């Protein structure tokens, strides 16, 4: 291979120099020769767009042109690839669309932008004959986009289940292993930099839903946006439910689940019981994992750092190399990730969804109460697999006590109807708790 100094140049502009952008900048400056050898061209980083040019940066910017206006980069005819790490949705989308219109390829780590405006962006890319590479948008350093879009292309994906938010997984790990409250575990995550000062989008399930939209589009041509996905986060999860789940042999994880059946496609994000000893249950701390089931390959499992400066930057620069070599453009044309948007897959109705459930009730401790609950469950076709009710001899008669029930396979709409009915009983203290089980 020819020395890097003798290679042709390709010029890159970077928009955004936050955590991920800084990691990308480090790789571009510190590993320039390695990148050139693998790309076959010398990648020349010329521009960076930032919000505050006076801010001290933890990366060398010698010789790099700095601007607060991404349009300056887009207007530069030398720039052939724009790397977007600014985050957000609409402003980032407008930058990306303008870059495509100007004949530039795009590399992005922005899952929220793709979840909300992916169809528009990929339509524009097709018309401009340009690539949009987005490996870093889901799973950080885990190569899940390449896996589903290319390596598993011979398969019809039947289902996927994933831990896609390291903040939530860190919090749940601390709650499970150390018995910390949600508030204390969140505080630790913030102190370590795993959680933002405002963690809302992480802990309420929105970030995970963004990523599930991207995966569902790749795997199923789902034609959905974030609001189409039923989601619940961990911000209202009680430590007691993690404890009871452990007694039943399960861990609780915030799972993104997609499952294709004859009845349609089921998409959801929610705290879910996962059997201990399985690979998914053992994913701890800020790590991510994705389990994919294909009709030909069967069950495959990916695990790694799902966020953080260098893990995500690794995926961004990997995409950049794919763009430089021309692989990304070929893949984009063939993969056409939003190309089936006019043929959406039907969503599975709740009266066709069957799974096992964890239920927790707070009930009056007196005779006949359990019989009243089981009568309601039975009327909705819900059978009981196991029960936890701890000894309450030292509690006053009639005081509220927890009752935990694990069901056999049940219809989701019937379970929800049964819980609404139970919560109206004078012996139950609403609201009851409902968590799905992913065996």
Protein backbone atom coordinates (compact mmCIF):
# COMPACT_ATOMS: atom_id res chain seq x y z
CA UNK A 1 0.00 0.00 0.00
CA UNK A 2 1.30 3.46 -0.87
CA UNK A 3 2.49 5.76 1.96
CA UNK A 4 -0.24 8.08 3.31
CA UNK A 5 1.66 11.13 2.11
CA UNK A 6 1.33 9.96 -1.53
CA UNK A 7 -2.41 9.30 -1.35
CA UNK A 8 -5.25 11.36 -2.75
CA UNK A 9 -6.99 13.65 -0.22
CA UNK A 10 -10.65 13.59 0.74
CA UNK A 11 -11.83 16.61 2.74
CA UNK A 12 -14.18 16.37 5.72
CA UNK A 13 -16.18 18.90 7.74
CA UNK A 14 -17.34 18.15 11.28
CA UNK A 15 -20.50 19.73 12.71
CA UNK A 16 -20.60 19.49 16.49
CA UNK A 17 -17.72 19.14 18.93
CA UNK A 18 -19.40 17.77 22.02
CA UNK A 19 -18.61 14.39 23.55
CA UNK A 20 -18.89 12.33 20.36
CA UNK A 21 -17.51 15.05 18.12
CA UNK A 22 -14.45 15.38 20.33
CA UNK A 23 -13.87 11.64 20.10
CA UNK A 24 -14.12 11.79 16.31
CA UNK A 25 -11.69 14.71 16.25
CA UNK A 26 -9.20 12.76 18.33
CA UNK A 27 -9.33 9.77 16.02
CA UNK A 28 -8.95 11.95 12.93
CA UNK A 29 -5.86 13.68 14.34
CA UNK A 30 -4.21 10.88 16.33
CA UNK A 31 -4.90 7.99 13.93
CA UNK A 32 -4.65 9.78 10.61
CA UNK A 33 -2.16 7.31 9.09
CA UNK A 34 -4.19 4.27 10.15
CA UNK A 35 -7.38 5.81 8.74
CA UNK A 36 -5.59 6.60 5.46
CA UNK A 37 -4.32 3.03 5.10
CA UNK A 38 -7.78 1.61 5.62
CA UNK A 39 -9.59 4.19 3.52
CA UNK A 40 -7.08 4.23 0.66
CA UNK A 41 -7.14 8.04 0.78
CA UNK A 42 -5.81 10.61 3.20
CA UNK A 43 -8.74 12.05 5.19
CA UNK A 44 -8.18 15.77 5.56
CA UNK A 45 -10.19 17.32 8.39
CA UNK A 46 -10.64 20.95 7.34
CA UNK A 47 -13.63 22.43 9.19
CA UNK A 48 -15.49 22.21 12.48
CA UNK A 49 -18.75 24.00 13.35
CA UNK A 50 -19.38 24.72 17.04
CA UNK A 51 -21.84 26.74 19.11
CA UNK A 52 -19.20 28.48 21.23
CA UNK A 53 -15.84 29.08 19.52
CA UNK A 54 -14.31 30.44 22.76
CA UNK A 55 -14.86 27.22 24.70
CA UNK A 56 -11.69 25.33 25.65
CA UNK A 57 -11.57 22.03 23.75
CA UNK A 58 -9.96 18.81 24.83
CA UNK A 59 -8.53 18.13 21.39
CA UNK A 60 -5.90 19.72 19.16
CA UNK A 61 -7.42 22.05 16.56
CA UNK A 62 -4.23 23.26 14.90
CA UNK A 63 -4.95 24.16 11.29
CA UNK A 64 -8.69 23.44 11.58
CA UNK A 65 -11.07 26.16 10.47
CA UNK A 66 -13.72 26.88 13.10
CA UNK A 67 -17.14 28.40 12.45
CA UNK A 68 -20.49 28.80 14.17
CA UNK A 69 -22.32 28.43 10.85
CA UNK A 70 -22.48 24.94 9.28
CA UNK A 71 -23.42 26.60 5.98
CA UNK A 72 -19.82 27.73 5.62
CA UNK A 73 -18.74 24.09 5.57
CA UNK A 74 -21.53 23.12 3.18
CA UNK A 75 -20.56 25.89 0.75
CA UNK A 76 -16.92 24.77 0.62
CA UNK A 77 -16.50 22.81 -2.63
CA UNK A 78 -13.47 20.96 -1.22
CA UNK A 79 -15.59 19.29 1.48
CA UNK A 80 -17.05 16.04 0.15
CA UNK A 81 -18.19 14.49 3.46
CA UNK A 82 -20.06 16.13 6.32
CA UNK A 83 -19.91 14.43 9.72
CA UNK A 84 -22.88 15.43 11.89
CA UNK A 85 -22.49 15.00 15.67
CA UNK A 86 -24.43 18.07 16.81
CA UNK A 87 -27.49 16.20 18.10
CA UNK A 88 -31.08 17.40 18.18
CA UNK A 89 -33.65 16.86 15.46
CA UNK A 90 -34.79 19.69 13.23
CA UNK A 91 -31.68 21.87 13.13
CA UNK A 92 -29.50 18.82 12.54
CA UNK A 93 -31.86 17.58 9.82
CA UNK A 94 -31.71 20.89 7.99
CA UNK A 95 -27.90 20.79 8.06
CA UNK A 96 -27.91 17.22 6.73
CA UNK A 97 -30.43 17.98 3.98
CA UNK A 98 -28.48 21.04 2.89
CA UNK A 99 -25.29 18.99 2.75
CA UNK A 100 -26.96 16.36 0.57
CA UNK A 101 -28.34 19.04 -1.73
CA UNK A 102 -24.79 20.39 -2.04
CA UNK A 103 -23.57 16.98 -3.20
CA UNK A 104 -21.89 15.88 0.00
CA UNK A 105 -22.06 12.49 1.69
CA UNK A 106 -23.18 12.44 5.33
CA UNK A 107 -22.07 10.47 8.38
CA UNK A 108 -24.32 10.86 11.43
CA UNK A 109 -24.68 9.52 14.96
CA UNK A 110 -28.10 11.12 15.39
CA UNK A 111 -30.76 8.53 16.21
CA UNK A 112 -33.41 11.11 17.16
CA UNK A 113 -33.09 12.87 13.81
CA UNK A 114 -33.32 9.60 11.91
CA UNK A 115 -36.26 8.38 13.99
CA UNK A 116 -38.27 11.52 13.21
CA UNK A 117 -37.05 12.55 9.76
CA UNK A 118 -35.29 9.50 8.38
CA UNK A 119 -37.59 9.05 5.41
CA UNK A 120 -37.08 12.63 4.24
CA UNK A 121 -33.31 12.38 4.67
CA UNK A 122 -32.95 9.11 2.77
CA UNK A 123 -35.29 10.28 0.01
CA UNK A 124 -33.03 13.29 -0.45
CA UNK A 125 -29.91 11.12 -0.36
CA UNK A 126 -31.30 8.87 -3.13
CA UNK A 127 -32.11 11.85 -5.33
CA UNK A 128 -28.64 13.33 -4.74
CA UNK A 129 -26.90 9.96 -5.30
CA UNK A 130 -25.15 10.37 -1.96
CA UNK A 131 -24.66 8.11 1.06
CA UNK A 132 -25.95 8.60 4.58
CA UNK A 133 -23.99 6.38 6.97
CA UNK A 134 -25.42 5.96 10.47
CA UNK A 135 -23.80 3.04 12.30
CA UNK A 136 -23.16 5.19 15.38
CA UNK A 137 -26.84 6.07 15.78
CA UNK A 138 -27.66 2.81 17.59
CA UNK A 139 -25.59 0.85 20.06
CA UNK A 140 -22.49 3.07 20.13
CA UNK A 141 -19.58 0.85 19.17
CA UNK A 142 -21.73 -2.25 18.52
CA UNK A 143 -21.86 -2.79 14.71
CA UNK A 144 -25.57 -3.57 14.71
CA UNK A 145 -26.54 -1.47 11.66
CA UNK A 146 -23.99 -3.31 9.51
CA UNK A 147 -25.08 -6.62 11.00
CA UNK A 148 -28.78 -6.22 10.27
CA UNK A 149 -28.45 -4.32 7.00
CA UNK A 150 -25.63 -6.31 5.40
CA UNK A 151 -24.38 -9.36 7.29
CA UNK A 152 -27.90 -10.69 8.01
CA UNK A 153 -29.41 -9.54 4.71
CA UNK A 154 -30.20 -13.13 3.70
CA UNK A 155 -32.58 -13.37 6.66
CA UNK A 156 -36.03 -12.19 7.48
CA UNK A 157 -35.55 -10.90 10.99
CA UNK A 158 -38.24 -12.49 13.14
CA UNK A 159 -37.57 -10.65 16.37
CA UNK A 160 -35.10 -8.50 18.20
CA UNK A 161 -34.73 -7.54 21.84
CA UNK A 162 -32.23 -4.96 22.97
CA UNK A 163 -30.79 -2.97 25.83
CA UNK A 164 -30.11 0.32 24.07
CA UNK A 165 -29.57 2.85 26.86
CA UNK A 166 -26.48 2.61 29.03
CA UNK A 167 -27.78 5.14 31.54
CA UNK A 168 -30.83 3.02 32.33
CA UNK A 169 -28.86 -0.20 32.41
CA UNK A 170 -26.37 1.31 34.85
CA UNK A 171 -29.20 2.49 37.12
CA UNK A 172 -30.98 -0.88 37.04
CA UNK A 173 -27.70 -2.70 37.72
CA UNK A 174 -27.06 -0.57 40.81
CA UNK A 175 -30.61 -1.04 42.05
CA UNK A 176 -30.45 -4.81 41.52
CA UNK A 177 -26.98 -5.58 42.85
CA UNK A 178 -26.64 -2.97 45.59
CA UNK A 179 -30.25 -2.29 46.54
CA UNK A 180 -29.97 1.42 45.75
CA UNK A 181 -33.10 3.47 45.29
CA UNK A 182 -33.80 4.81 41.82
CA UNK A 183 -32.94 8.34 42.95
CA UNK A 184 -29.59 7.32 44.44
CA UNK A 185 -28.63 5.18 41.44
CA UNK A 186 -29.48 8.05 39.10
CA UNK A 187 -27.36 10.41 41.18
CA UNK A 188 -24.39 8.03 40.90
CA UNK A 189 -24.90 7.77 37.13
CA UNK A 190 -24.80 11.56 36.88
CA UNK A 191 -21.69 11.81 39.04
CA UNK A 192 -19.90 9.33 36.75
CA UNK A 193 -21.02 11.04 33.56
CA UNK A 194 -23.33 8.20 32.50
CA UNK A 195 -26.43 10.40 32.84
CA UNK A 196 -27.11 13.97 31.77
CA UNK A 197 -28.05 16.71 34.23
CA UNK A 198 -31.54 16.36 32.73
CA UNK A 199 -31.86 12.59 32.15
CA UNK A 200 -35.49 12.66 31.02
CA UNK A 201 -35.02 11.36 27.47
CA UNK A 202 -32.96 8.44 28.78
CA UNK A 203 -35.04 7.35 31.77
CA UNK A 204 -38.50 7.82 30.23
CA UNK A 205 -37.66 5.48 27.34
CA UNK A 206 -37.56 8.09 24.56
CA UNK A 207 -33.89 7.54 23.67
CA UNK A 208 -34.46 3.79 23.47
CA UNK A 209 -37.56 4.33 21.32
CA UNK A 210 -35.55 6.48 18.88
CA UNK A 211 -33.09 3.64 18.43
CA UNK A 212 -35.82 1.04 18.07
CA UNK A 213 -37.35 3.09 15.24
CA UNK A 214 -34.04 2.90 13.36
CA UNK A 215 -33.63 -0.86 13.96
CA UNK A 216 -37.25 -1.59 13.08
CA UNK A 217 -36.90 0.32 9.83
CA UNK A 218 -33.83 -1.69 8.89
CA UNK A 219 -35.13 -5.07 10.00
CA UNK A 220 -38.79 -4.80 8.95
CA UNK A 221 -39.32 -1.66 6.82
CA UNK A 222 -41.63 -0.63 9.63
CA UNK A 223 -42.40 2.98 8.60
CA UNK A 224 -42.86 4.24 12.16
CA UNK A 225 -41.78 7.28 14.14
CA UNK A 226 -41.18 7.57 17.86
CA UNK A 227 -44.77 8.36 18.82
CA UNK A 228 -45.90 5.06 17.25
CA UNK A 229 -43.97 3.01 19.81
CA UNK A 230 -45.57 2.13 23.14
CA UNK A 231 -42.95 3.09 25.68
CA UNK A 232 -42.44 3.27 29.39
CA UNK A 233 -39.21 4.14 31.13
CA UNK A 234 -37.62 3.27 34.43
CA UNK A 235 -38.37 6.57 36.18
CA UNK A 236 -41.42 5.12 37.95
CA UNK A 237 -39.93 1.71 38.67
CA UNK A 238 -39.99 0.60 42.30
CA UNK A 239 -37.03 -1.21 43.87
CA UNK A 240 -39.51 -3.70 45.31
CA UNK A 241 -40.32 -5.00 41.83
CA UNK A 242 -36.65 -5.65 41.09
CA UNK A 243 -36.42 -7.54 44.37
CA UNK A 244 -39.50 -9.68 43.71
CA UNK A 245 -38.34 -10.34 40.15
CA UNK A 246 -35.05 -11.61 41.60
CA UNK A 247 -36.92 -14.00 43.88
CA UNK A 248 -38.71 -15.36 40.82
CA UNK A 249 -35.41 -15.88 38.98
CA UNK A 250 -35.48 -12.77 36.77
CA UNK A 251 -33.65 -9.50 36.28
CA UNK A 252 -35.42 -6.33 35.12
CA UNK A 253 -34.05 -4.56 32.04
CA UNK A 254 -35.31 -1.67 29.95
CA UNK A 255 -35.89 -3.58 26.72
CA UNK A 256 -36.69 -2.49 23.21
CA UNK A 257 -38.62 -5.35 21.62
CA UNK A 258 -39.71 -5.91 18.03
CA UNK A 259 -41.48 -9.12 17.03
CA UNK A 260 -42.94 -10.01 13.65
CA UNK A 261 -45.84 -12.47 13.37
CA UNK A 262 -48.74 -13.24 11.07
CA UNK A 263 -50.74 -10.70 13.09
CA UNK A 264 -48.30 -7.86 12.42
CA UNK A 265 -45.36 -6.19 14.10
CA UNK A 266 -45.16 -5.64 17.86
CA UNK A 267 -42.93 -2.73 18.90
CA UNK A 268 -42.44 -1.64 22.49
CA UNK A 269 -40.04 -0.17 25.03
CA UNK A 270 -40.60 -1.04 28.69
CA UNK A 271 -39.00 -2.44 31.85
CA UNK A 272 -39.17 -6.19 31.26
CA UNK A 273 -38.34 -9.33 33.24
CA UNK A 274 -35.51 -11.35 31.68
CA UNK A 275 -34.57 -14.77 33.03
CA UNK A 276 -31.35 -14.81 35.07
CA UNK A 277 -28.45 -16.65 33.48
CA UNK A 278 -29.36 -15.60 29.95
CA UNK A 279 -26.91 -13.29 28.15
CA UNK A 280 -29.34 -10.36 28.22
CA UNK A 281 -29.86 -10.59 31.97
CA UNK A 282 -26.11 -10.49 32.58
CA UNK A 283 -25.50 -7.24 30.67
CA UNK A 284 -24.46 -4.83 33.41
CA UNK A 285 -23.48 -1.23 33.92
CA UNK A 286 -23.42 1.14 30.92
CA UNK A 287 -23.29 -1.66 28.35
CA UNK A 288 -25.75 -2.30 25.53
CA UNK A 289 -26.81 -5.56 23.92
CA UNK A 290 -28.92 -6.65 20.96
CA UNK A 291 -30.37 -10.12 20.36
CA UNK A 292 -31.55 -10.79 16.82
CA UNK A 293 -33.41 -13.87 15.61
CA UNK A 294 -33.33 -14.49 11.85
CA UNK A 295 -35.14 -17.21 9.94
CA UNK A 296 -31.87 -18.58 8.54
CA UNK A 297 -29.16 -17.68 11.05
CA UNK A 298 -31.20 -18.29 14.19
CA UNK A 299 -30.22 -16.48 17.37
CA UNK A 300 -27.29 -14.00 17.39
CA UNK A 301 -26.19 -11.73 20.21
CA UNK A 302 -24.18 -8.50 20.22
CA UNK A 303 -22.81 -6.73 23.28
CA UNK A 304 -20.57 -3.74 23.90
CA UNK A 305 -20.35 -0.14 25.01
CA UNK A 306 -23.45 1.57 23.75
CA UNK A 307 -22.39 5.14 24.41
CA UNK A 308 -19.44 7.25 25.41
CA UNK A 309 -16.91 9.31 23.55
CA UNK A 310 -14.59 6.78 21.98
CA UNK A 311 -17.01 3.86 21.47
CA UNK A 312 -19.39 6.03 19.46
CA UNK A 313 -16.54 7.86 17.72
CA UNK A 314 -15.20 4.47 16.64
CA UNK A 315 -18.46 3.81 14.78
CA UNK A 316 -18.52 7.30 13.25
CA UNK A 317 -15.00 7.00 11.86
CA UNK A 318 -15.72 3.47 10.66
CA UNK A 319 -18.62 4.93 8.68
CA UNK A 320 -16.36 7.68 7.40
CA UNK A 321 -13.92 5.08 6.05
CA UNK A 322 -16.82 3.25 4.39
CA UNK A 323 -17.86 6.48 2.68
CA UNK A 324 -14.33 7.23 1.51
CA UNK A 325 -13.89 3.75 0.01
CA UNK A 326 -17.28 3.93 -1.74
CA UNK A 327 -18.77 1.02 0.18
CA UNK A 328 -21.33 3.21 1.96
CA UNK A 329 -22.81 4.54 -1.28
CA UNK A 330 -23.22 1.05 -2.69
CA UNK A 331 -24.78 -0.15 0.56
CA UNK A 332 -27.13 2.84 0.71
CA UNK A 333 -28.41 2.20 -2.81
CA UNK A 334 -29.04 -1.48 -2.18
CA UNK A 335 -30.14 -1.32 1.44
CA UNK A 336 -32.46 1.67 0.89
CA UNK A 337 -33.39 1.70 4.59
CA UNK A 338 -36.47 3.91 4.32
CA UNK A 339 -37.44 2.72 0.85
CA UNK A 340 -40.44 0.59 1.92
CA UNK A 341 -42.14 3.50 3.65
CA UNK A 342 -45.17 3.35 1.33
CA UNK A 343 -45.82 -0.28 2.29
CA UNK A 344 -46.09 -0.15 6.08
CA UNK A 345 -46.37 -3.34 8.12
CA UNK A 346 -49.54 -3.69 10.19
CA UNK A 347 -49.10 -3.34 13.93
CA UNK A 348 -50.11 -6.30 16.08
CA UNK A 349 -53.39 -5.53 17.92
CA UNK A 350 -53.34 -5.98 21.70
CA UNK A 351 -55.93 -8.75 21.51
CA UNK A 352 -53.42 -10.80 19.48
CA UNK A 353 -50.41 -10.25 21.74
CA UNK A 354 -49.64 -13.14 24.07
CA UNK A 355 -46.85 -13.20 26.65
CA UNK A 356 -46.25 -13.88 30.32
CA UNK A 357 -46.67 -11.10 32.85
CA UNK A 358 -45.49 -10.04 36.29
CA UNK A 359 -48.25 -8.45 38.37
CA UNK A 360 -47.95 -6.76 41.76
CA UNK A 361 -50.95 -5.71 43.79
CA UNK A 362 -51.29 -3.95 47.14
CA UNK A 363 -54.24 -5.61 48.81
CA UNK A 364 -56.01 -5.64 52.15
CA UNK A 365 -54.72 -8.50 54.31
CA UNK A 366 -57.97 -10.26 55.12
CA UNK A 367 -59.72 -13.51 54.12
CA UNK A 368 -61.19 -13.80 50.64
CA UNK A 369 -59.12 -11.06 49.00
CA UNK A 370 -56.90 -13.37 46.97
CA UNK A 371 -59.96 -15.32 45.86
CA UNK A 372 -61.53 -12.08 44.63
CA UNK A 373 -58.43 -11.23 42.58
CA UNK A 374 -58.07 -14.69 41.09
CA UNK A 375 -61.74 -14.69 40.15
CA UNK A 376 -61.21 -11.54 38.08
CA UNK A 377 -58.06 -12.96 36.49
CA UNK A 378 -59.82 -16.22 35.68
CA UNK A 379 -62.72 -14.40 34.08
CA UNK A 380 -60.21 -12.86 31.66
CA UNK A 381 -58.56 -16.18 30.86
CA UNK A 382 -55.43 -15.48 32.91
CA UNK A 383 -53.91 -18.44 34.72
CA UNK A 384 -51.37 -18.14 37.54
CA UNK A 385 -47.91 -19.68 37.34
CA UNK A 386 -46.55 -18.58 40.74
CA UNK A 387 -47.35 -16.31 43.68
CA UNK A 388 -45.28 -14.42 46.24
CA UNK A 389 -46.92 -13.25 49.45
CA UNK A 390 -44.56 -12.85 52.38
CA UNK A 391 -45.49 -13.58 55.99
CA UNK A 392 -47.45 -10.67 57.47
CA UNK A 393 -48.13 -11.99 60.99
CA UNK A 394 -46.74 -8.80 62.56
CA UNK A 395 -48.95 -6.51 60.44
CA UNK A 396 -52.31 -5.26 61.77
CA UNK A 397 -55.36 -7.07 60.39
CA UNK A 398 -56.59 -5.53 57.16
CA UNK A 399 -53.43 -3.51 56.53
CA UNK A 400 -52.23 -3.27 52.91
CA UNK A 401 -49.70 -5.91 51.82
CA UNK A 402 -48.07 -6.77 48.51
CA UNK A 403 -49.12 -9.74 46.41
CA UNK A 404 -47.00 -10.74 43.40
CA UNK A 405 -48.34 -13.00 40.65
CA UNK A 406 -46.53 -14.44 37.66
CA UNK A 407 -48.93 -15.47 34.91
CA UNK A 408 -48.80 -18.13 32.24
CA UNK A 409 -49.17 -16.92 28.64
CA UNK A 410 -51.98 -14.38 28.50
CA UNK A 411 -53.55 -11.95 26.05
CA UNK A 412 -52.35 -8.39 26.63
CA UNK A 413 -55.75 -6.73 26.23
CA UNK A 414 -57.26 -9.17 28.74
CA UNK A 415 -54.49 -8.57 31.29
CA UNK A 416 -54.94 -4.81 31.02
CA UNK A 417 -58.72 -5.13 31.38
CA UNK A 418 -58.33 -7.40 34.41
CA UNK A 419 -56.00 -4.94 36.14
CA UNK A 420 -58.41 -2.07 35.54
CA UNK A 421 -61.16 -4.14 37.14
CA UNK A 422 -58.99 -5.19 40.09
CA UNK A 423 -57.87 -1.61 40.72
CA UNK A 424 -61.53 -0.67 41.20
CA UNK A 425 -62.04 -3.27 43.96
CA UNK A 426 -62.27 -1.85 47.49
CA UNK A 427 -59.71 -4.41 48.67
CA UNK A 428 -57.02 -3.24 46.23
CA UNK A 429 -54.86 -0.12 46.44
CA UNK A 430 -54.42 1.18 42.88
CA UNK A 431 -52.44 1.32 40.77
CA UNK A 432 -51.27 -2.23 40.36
CA UNK A 433 -47.96 -2.95 38.61
CA UNK A 434 -47.71 -4.72 35.26
CA UNK A 435 -44.40 -5.81 33.68
CA UNK A 436 -43.94 -8.05 30.67
CA UNK A 437 -41.74 -11.16 30.76
CA UNK A 438 -39.31 -11.91 27.93
CA UNK A 439 -38.28 -15.57 28.28
